[in-house]
């Protein structure tokens, strides 16, 4: 499962960076860098004459990026900035050649403000390249399914988990599922980008078979969500937890279900 995730992230990184058309010597801003997936890839492309700004709201994640940059001896052409995507005021107007980001707008309520900031920091002819999950399709409510795994044998219990989850974070759910690729085009155009393109990927496949039930139970689907174990403790009785766990274990072991993948890759020119 880990190898599959790493391969998927590497493919996503390469697509975002390829679409950014980064040139040697470019100044690149990686918004919401996280652990530096895009920024580190951009460093290889800008060369010693270029520069990459790693930006994130988390100082801890920026520290991780500093360590990773130090390992490739690229500190001389890297900068680390604690900032939100909606406030990049520490970066000068028209000072950036390329803005890249992955799964950042997903967690931002004021997406228009973020795109306006991307537009402001870009020089004339600069471009933004980003990738965003489309939860409006990927996370559609399907009774009897949990993360794409078929637990219809215990659908009554899955519904209890679903209702507990929705009650606890209805606002978060609206945020995470509140846009699609057409919305992103409209927001980018309103921010001032005159040329905008999207490439959207939709895919269906069986979920991977796995026998790491305990890991699954203690993993959340996104940073705003509770773990499955926490939801079970909240919504199910002891005997219900046992029945649901047995059903889930079987679904995981056989890879039974339907996994949805939905991403849109947007690029726009200043």
Foldseek 3Di string as FASTA:
>chain_A
DVVVVVVVLLVVLVVLVVVQVDAALFEEEEAQCQQNSNVVVSDVHNDLNHAYEYEHQDPVSLVNNVVVCVVVPNVVRYHYYNDHLLDPVVAAFQQGQEYEYEARQLQDPPSLSSLLSVNGNHHAFHKYKYKHFQCLPQVPDDQQADLFFGLVVLSVVVVLLVVVFCVVCVVSVCSNNVDDPVVVVVSNVVSPFPDKDKDKDKDKDQAAADQPLVVQQCDAPDPVGHGVVVSCVVGHDPVSVVVSSVSVNVRNRVSHGMGITIMMMMMTGD
